Structures are given as structure tokens and as C-alpha cells.
Amino acid sequence: MSEDAQGEKEYLAVTDQKPVSAYVISGEVQLKASGRLVLMARGRSINQAVDVANMIVQRSEGSAEISGVRIASDRLPDGKYISRMEITIERKGRPGTGHPLDAPPDEKADKKI
């Protein structure tokens, strides 16, 4: 995991070493803490990362969405290439989006959600 400029962890490397549920729980915690999560996977772990992303979004009951997907290939030292994918998930209503949940606490009572 790496840290963003504010010191919050937002990257989660998905491998085939743990069950999907372990990554889902970890991802939900990170998403709740920072509002943004980037799942990273390479090779055979890409399928698992897609499953994790879909489960996190479904379990959020509409409060999170997949905001981006990046694909690339990395060259290994032996000259072979391996696919890499990054899936970005963001909470809806992050600061600066104009969503009623972004308003300061005293203004939230006046706005309908």
C-alpha cells in the first residue's frame, strides 16, 4: 500500500494469496477512511481485483462508484510482459462535488438528501 499527499493509504494490491472477502473488508475500511481506493493487480490476480471492486460497490449500496480503470503492461526482467490493472473506487459526495453530504454540519439540516 502506498500513501497519498495527506498520508492516507489509498492503494490496495490484490493478489491471489488471500480470499476475496479479505480484500473487500480491507478495501471498505480504506474507502471509508480516505474516500478513494485504488485496487492494483497484475496477471492472474486481475480477475480477483475486478470481483473485489464489484463487491465493494455493491455492498456500499450506492454510496461508492468505480470512477476509473487503467490498464497497462509491465516488462519483467526476463523480457516477458505481464498485464496490470488499476481500478479506482470513490465515495459519492466527496468534498468539492456539490453533494449535500459535503456541506458543513450546520448546513446539512437545511438540505434535503
N, C-alpha and C. Protein backbone atom coordinates (compact mmCIF):
# COMPACT_ATOMS: atom_id res chain seq x y z
N MET A 1 0.83 -1.17 0.00
CA MET A 1 0.00 0.00 0.00
C MET A 1 0.88 1.24 0.00
N SER A 2 0.43 2.25 -0.71
CA SER A 2 1.17 3.49 -0.70
C SER A 2 0.31 4.58 -0.08
N GLU A 3 0.91 5.72 0.16
CA GLU A 3 0.19 6.80 0.83
C GLU A 3 0.09 7.99 -0.11
N ASP A 4 -1.05 8.71 -0.04
CA ASP A 4 -1.21 9.91 -0.83
C ASP A 4 -0.60 11.10 -0.10
N ALA A 5 -0.80 12.31 -0.64
CA ALA A 5 -0.17 13.50 -0.08
C ALA A 5 -0.62 13.80 1.34
N GLN A 6 -1.82 13.36 1.72
CA GLN A 6 -2.31 13.64 3.06
C GLN A 6 -1.92 12.55 4.04
N GLY A 7 -1.18 11.54 3.59
CA GLY A 7 -0.74 10.48 4.47
C GLY A 7 -1.75 9.36 4.63
N GLU A 8 -2.86 9.42 3.88
CA GLU A 8 -3.87 8.37 3.97
C GLU A 8 -3.54 7.28 2.96
N LYS A 9 -3.72 6.04 3.35
CA LYS A 9 -3.47 4.93 2.46
C LYS A 9 -4.64 4.78 1.51
N GLU A 10 -4.36 4.72 0.21
CA GLU A 10 -5.45 4.59 -0.75
C GLU A 10 -5.21 3.48 -1.77
N TYR A 11 -4.06 2.85 -1.77
CA TYR A 11 -3.77 1.78 -2.72
C TYR A 11 -3.86 0.43 -2.02
N LEU A 12 -4.46 -0.54 -2.73
CA LEU A 12 -4.56 -1.89 -2.20
C LEU A 12 -4.14 -2.84 -3.31
N ALA A 13 -3.03 -3.55 -3.10
CA ALA A 13 -2.54 -4.52 -4.08
C ALA A 13 -3.27 -5.84 -3.87
N VAL A 14 -3.95 -6.31 -4.91
CA VAL A 14 -4.71 -7.55 -4.84
C VAL A 14 -3.87 -8.67 -5.44
N THR A 15 -3.72 -9.74 -4.68
CA THR A 15 -3.00 -10.93 -5.17
C THR A 15 -3.93 -12.13 -5.02
N ASP A 16 -3.45 -13.28 -5.41
CA ASP A 16 -4.26 -14.49 -5.24
C ASP A 16 -3.89 -15.22 -3.95
N GLN A 17 -3.24 -14.52 -3.02
CA GLN A 17 -2.80 -15.13 -1.77
C GLN A 17 -3.86 -15.13 -0.68
N LYS A 18 -4.86 -14.24 -0.80
CA LYS A 18 -5.90 -14.12 0.22
C LYS A 18 -7.26 -14.29 -0.44
N PRO A 19 -8.28 -14.65 0.33
CA PRO A 19 -9.63 -14.74 -0.24
C PRO A 19 -10.17 -13.36 -0.59
N VAL A 20 -11.11 -13.32 -1.53
CA VAL A 20 -11.71 -12.06 -1.97
C VAL A 20 -12.28 -11.28 -0.79
N SER A 21 -12.92 -11.97 0.15
CA SER A 21 -13.55 -11.30 1.28
C SER A 21 -12.55 -10.48 2.10
N ALA A 22 -11.32 -10.95 2.21
CA ALA A 22 -10.31 -10.21 2.97
C ALA A 22 -10.00 -8.87 2.29
N TYR A 23 -9.92 -8.87 0.97
CA TYR A 23 -9.66 -7.63 0.23
C TYR A 23 -10.87 -6.70 0.26
N VAL A 24 -12.07 -7.27 0.23
CA VAL A 24 -13.29 -6.46 0.28
C VAL A 24 -13.35 -5.71 1.60
N ILE A 25 -13.13 -6.39 2.70
CA ILE A 25 -13.18 -5.75 4.02
C ILE A 25 -12.10 -4.68 4.14
N SER A 26 -10.89 -5.00 3.73
CA SER A 26 -9.80 -4.03 3.79
C SER A 26 -10.09 -2.82 2.91
N GLY A 27 -10.62 -3.08 1.72
CA GLY A 27 -10.95 -2.00 0.80
C GLY A 27 -12.04 -1.10 1.33
N GLU A 28 -13.06 -1.69 1.97
CA GLU A 28 -14.14 -0.89 2.54
C GLU A 28 -13.62 0.03 3.64
N VAL A 29 -12.73 -0.48 4.46
CA VAL A 29 -12.15 0.33 5.53
C VAL A 29 -11.36 1.50 4.94
N GLN A 30 -10.54 1.22 3.93
CA GLN A 30 -9.74 2.28 3.31
C GLN A 30 -10.63 3.30 2.60
N LEU A 31 -11.66 2.82 1.92
CA LEU A 31 -12.57 3.72 1.21
C LEU A 31 -13.29 4.64 2.19
N LYS A 32 -13.70 4.09 3.32
CA LYS A 32 -14.39 4.90 4.33
C LYS A 32 -13.44 5.94 4.93
N ALA A 33 -12.18 5.57 5.11
CA ALA A 33 -11.21 6.47 5.73
C ALA A 33 -10.79 7.61 4.80
N SER A 34 -10.54 7.31 3.53
CA SER A 34 -10.00 8.33 2.64
C SER A 34 -10.95 8.77 1.53
N GLY A 35 -12.02 8.03 1.31
CA GLY A 35 -12.97 8.39 0.26
C GLY A 35 -12.55 7.94 -1.12
N ARG A 36 -11.38 7.34 -1.22
CA ARG A 36 -10.85 6.90 -2.52
C ARG A 36 -10.03 5.64 -2.30
N LEU A 37 -10.15 4.71 -3.23
CA LEU A 37 -9.42 3.46 -3.15
C LEU A 37 -8.97 3.08 -4.55
N VAL A 38 -7.72 2.69 -4.68
CA VAL A 38 -7.21 2.20 -5.96
C VAL A 38 -6.77 0.76 -5.76
N LEU A 39 -7.47 -0.16 -6.44
CA LEU A 39 -7.11 -1.57 -6.41
C LEU A 39 -6.10 -1.80 -7.52
N MET A 40 -5.00 -2.45 -7.20
CA MET A 40 -3.98 -2.74 -8.20
C MET A 40 -3.77 -4.24 -8.27
N ALA A 41 -3.67 -4.77 -9.51
CA ALA A 41 -3.45 -6.20 -9.68
C ALA A 41 -2.65 -6.44 -10.95
N ARG A 42 -1.95 -7.56 -10.96
CA ARG A 42 -1.16 -7.95 -12.13
C ARG A 42 -1.48 -9.40 -12.49
N GLY A 43 -1.43 -9.70 -13.78
CA GLY A 43 -1.58 -11.07 -14.26
C GLY A 43 -2.87 -11.74 -13.86
N ARG A 44 -2.74 -12.92 -13.30
CA ARG A 44 -3.91 -13.73 -12.92
C ARG A 44 -4.74 -13.12 -11.81
N SER A 45 -4.20 -12.17 -11.09
CA SER A 45 -4.93 -11.53 -9.99
C SER A 45 -5.92 -10.47 -10.47
N ILE A 46 -5.89 -10.14 -11.75
CA ILE A 46 -6.79 -9.11 -12.28
C ILE A 46 -8.25 -9.52 -12.09
N ASN A 47 -8.57 -10.79 -12.36
CA ASN A 47 -9.95 -11.26 -12.18
C ASN A 47 -10.40 -11.06 -10.75
N GLN A 48 -9.53 -11.35 -9.80
CA GLN A 48 -9.88 -11.20 -8.39
C GLN A 48 -10.09 -9.72 -8.05
N ALA A 49 -9.27 -8.83 -8.61
CA ALA A 49 -9.42 -7.40 -8.35
C ALA A 49 -10.76 -6.88 -8.87
N VAL A 50 -11.19 -7.37 -10.03
CA VAL A 50 -12.50 -6.98 -10.58
C VAL A 50 -13.61 -7.45 -9.65
N ASP A 51 -13.51 -8.67 -9.15
CA ASP A 51 -14.50 -9.18 -8.21
C ASP A 51 -14.55 -8.34 -6.94
N VAL A 52 -13.38 -7.97 -6.42
CA VAL A 52 -13.30 -7.15 -5.21
C VAL A 52 -13.97 -5.79 -5.45
N ALA A 53 -13.64 -5.16 -6.58
CA ALA A 53 -14.22 -3.85 -6.89
C ALA A 53 -15.74 -3.92 -6.98
N ASN A 54 -16.25 -4.92 -7.68
CA ASN A 54 -17.70 -5.06 -7.83
C ASN A 54 -18.38 -5.30 -6.49
N MET A 55 -17.77 -6.12 -5.64
CA MET A 55 -18.35 -6.40 -4.33
C MET A 55 -18.36 -5.16 -3.44
N ILE A 56 -17.30 -4.37 -3.47
CA ILE A 56 -17.24 -3.15 -2.67
C ILE A 56 -18.34 -2.18 -3.10
N VAL A 57 -18.50 -2.00 -4.41
CA VAL A 57 -19.52 -1.09 -4.92
C VAL A 57 -20.92 -1.60 -4.57
N GLN A 58 -21.16 -2.88 -4.73
CA GLN A 58 -22.47 -3.45 -4.40
C GLN A 58 -22.78 -3.31 -2.92
N ARG A 59 -21.80 -3.59 -2.08
CA ARG A 59 -22.01 -3.53 -0.63
C ARG A 59 -22.17 -2.09 -0.13
N SER A 60 -21.71 -1.12 -0.91
CA SER A 60 -21.82 0.28 -0.50
C SER A 60 -23.24 0.81 -0.66
N GLU A 61 -24.10 0.05 -1.32
CA GLU A 61 -25.50 0.43 -1.52
C GLU A 61 -25.63 1.82 -2.14
N GLY A 62 -24.84 2.07 -3.17
CA GLY A 62 -24.95 3.33 -3.90
C GLY A 62 -24.08 4.46 -3.41
N SER A 63 -23.33 4.28 -2.35
CA SER A 63 -22.51 5.38 -1.84
C SER A 63 -21.11 5.40 -2.43
N ALA A 64 -20.79 4.42 -3.29
CA ALA A 64 -19.47 4.38 -3.94
C ALA A 64 -19.66 3.96 -5.39
N GLU A 65 -18.70 4.36 -6.22
CA GLU A 65 -18.75 4.01 -7.63
C GLU A 65 -17.34 3.83 -8.18
N ILE A 66 -17.25 3.05 -9.25
CA ILE A 66 -15.97 2.90 -9.94
C ILE A 66 -15.79 4.14 -10.80
N SER A 67 -14.75 4.90 -10.53
CA SER A 67 -14.55 6.17 -11.23
C SER A 67 -13.49 6.07 -12.32
N GLY A 68 -12.75 4.96 -12.36
CA GLY A 68 -11.75 4.83 -13.40
C GLY A 68 -11.11 3.46 -13.43
N VAL A 69 -10.66 3.09 -14.62
CA VAL A 69 -9.94 1.84 -14.81
C VAL A 69 -8.76 2.13 -15.73
N ARG A 70 -7.59 1.71 -15.31
CA ARG A 70 -6.38 1.87 -16.13
C ARG A 70 -5.78 0.50 -16.39
N ILE A 71 -5.37 0.27 -17.61
CA ILE A 71 -4.69 -0.98 -17.94
C ILE A 71 -3.35 -0.68 -18.57
N ALA A 72 -2.41 -1.56 -18.34
CA ALA A 72 -1.06 -1.39 -18.88
C ALA A 72 -0.36 -2.73 -18.86
N SER A 73 0.83 -2.76 -19.41
CA SER A 73 1.67 -3.95 -19.37
C SER A 73 3.02 -3.57 -18.80
N ASP A 74 3.54 -4.41 -17.94
CA ASP A 74 4.86 -4.20 -17.35
C ASP A 74 5.82 -5.23 -17.94
N ARG A 75 7.03 -4.81 -18.20
CA ARG A 75 8.04 -5.74 -18.70
C ARG A 75 8.82 -6.30 -17.52
N LEU A 76 8.87 -7.61 -17.46
CA LEU A 76 9.60 -8.29 -16.40
C LEU A 76 11.08 -8.39 -16.75
N PRO A 77 11.94 -8.65 -15.76
CA PRO A 77 13.38 -8.74 -16.03
C PRO A 77 13.75 -9.79 -17.08
N ASP A 78 12.94 -10.84 -17.20
CA ASP A 78 13.26 -11.87 -18.19
C ASP A 78 12.76 -11.52 -19.59
N GLY A 79 12.21 -10.31 -19.77
CA GLY A 79 11.77 -9.86 -21.08
C GLY A 79 10.31 -10.12 -21.38
N LYS A 80 9.63 -10.88 -20.55
CA LYS A 80 8.21 -11.15 -20.75
C LYS A 80 7.39 -9.96 -20.25
N TYR A 81 6.16 -9.89 -20.74
CA TYR A 81 5.25 -8.83 -20.32
C TYR A 81 4.15 -9.41 -19.45
N ILE A 82 3.68 -8.60 -18.51
CA ILE A 82 2.57 -9.00 -17.64
C ILE A 82 1.56 -7.86 -17.60
N SER A 83 0.29 -8.20 -17.69
CA SER A 83 -0.77 -7.19 -17.67
C SER A 83 -0.94 -6.63 -16.26
N ARG A 84 -1.31 -5.34 -16.21
CA ARG A 84 -1.55 -4.68 -14.93
C ARG A 84 -2.84 -3.88 -15.04
N MET A 85 -3.62 -3.85 -13.97
CA MET A 85 -4.86 -3.09 -13.95
C MET A 85 -4.99 -2.33 -12.64
N GLU A 86 -5.48 -1.11 -12.74
CA GLU A 86 -5.79 -0.30 -11.57
C GLU A 86 -7.25 0.11 -11.66
N ILE A 87 -8.01 -0.17 -10.61
CA ILE A 87 -9.43 0.17 -10.56
C ILE A 87 -9.61 1.19 -9.44
N THR A 88 -10.11 2.38 -9.79
CA THR A 88 -10.32 3.44 -8.81
C THR A 88 -11.78 3.46 -8.38
N ILE A 89 -11.99 3.42 -7.08
CA ILE A 89 -13.33 3.48 -6.50
C ILE A 89 -13.37 4.72 -5.62
N GLU A 90 -14.43 5.52 -5.77
CA GLU A 90 -14.57 6.72 -4.95
C GLU A 90 -15.94 6.76 -4.31
N ARG A 91 -15.97 7.30 -3.10
CA ARG A 91 -17.26 7.52 -2.44
C ARG A 91 -17.97 8.65 -3.15
N LYS A 92 -19.27 8.52 -3.33
CA LYS A 92 -20.06 9.61 -3.88
C LYS A 92 -20.16 10.67 -2.79
N GLY A 93 -20.14 11.93 -3.22
CA GLY A 93 -20.27 13.01 -2.24
C GLY A 93 -18.96 13.40 -1.62
N ARG A 94 -17.84 13.15 -2.32
CA ARG A 94 -16.55 13.60 -1.80
C ARG A 94 -16.50 15.12 -1.80
N PRO A 95 -15.67 15.73 -0.96
CA PRO A 95 -15.58 17.19 -0.90
C PRO A 95 -15.37 17.80 -2.28
N GLY A 96 -16.10 18.89 -2.54
CA GLY A 96 -15.95 19.58 -3.80
C GLY A 96 -16.89 19.09 -4.89
N THR A 97 -17.74 18.14 -4.61
CA THR A 97 -18.64 17.61 -5.64
C THR A 97 -19.98 18.31 -5.63
N GLY A 98 -20.28 19.12 -4.62
CA GLY A 98 -21.56 19.79 -4.53
C GLY A 98 -22.66 18.92 -3.97
N HIS A 99 -22.33 17.77 -3.50
CA HIS A 99 -23.31 16.84 -2.93
C HIS A 99 -23.73 17.36 -1.56
N PRO A 100 -25.02 17.20 -1.18
CA PRO A 100 -25.48 17.71 0.12
C PRO A 100 -24.68 17.17 1.31
N LEU A 101 -24.13 15.98 1.19
CA LEU A 101 -23.36 15.43 2.31
C LEU A 101 -22.02 16.14 2.51
N ASP A 102 -21.61 16.95 1.51
CA ASP A 102 -20.35 17.68 1.62
C ASP A 102 -20.50 18.97 2.42
N ALA A 103 -21.72 19.41 2.63
CA ALA A 103 -21.94 20.67 3.33
C ALA A 103 -21.50 20.56 4.79
N PRO A 104 -21.09 21.68 5.39
CA PRO A 104 -20.75 21.65 6.82
C PRO A 104 -21.96 21.18 7.62
N PRO A 105 -21.74 20.63 8.82
CA PRO A 105 -22.82 20.05 9.61
C PRO A 105 -24.04 20.95 9.81
N ASP A 106 -23.84 22.27 10.01
CA ASP A 106 -24.98 23.14 10.25
C ASP A 106 -25.83 23.36 9.00
N GLU A 107 -25.25 23.19 7.82
CA GLU A 107 -25.98 23.37 6.57
C GLU A 107 -26.68 22.08 6.14
N LYS A 108 -26.23 20.94 6.61
CA LYS A 108 -26.83 19.67 6.21
C LYS A 108 -28.30 19.58 6.61
N ALA A 109 -28.65 20.17 7.73
CA ALA A 109 -30.02 20.07 8.22
C ALA A 109 -30.98 20.81 7.30
N ASP A 110 -30.49 21.84 6.58
CA ASP A 110 -31.35 22.62 5.71
C ASP A 110 -31.53 22.00 4.32
N LYS A 111 -30.67 21.08 3.94
CA LYS A 111 -30.73 20.49 2.60
C LYS A 111 -31.36 19.12 2.64
N LYS A 112 -32.17 18.84 1.65
CA LYS A 112 -32.76 17.52 1.54
C LYS A 112 -31.79 16.63 0.77
N ILE A 113 -31.69 15.41 1.22
CA ILE A 113 -30.77 14.47 0.57
C ILE A 113 -31.55 13.60 -0.36
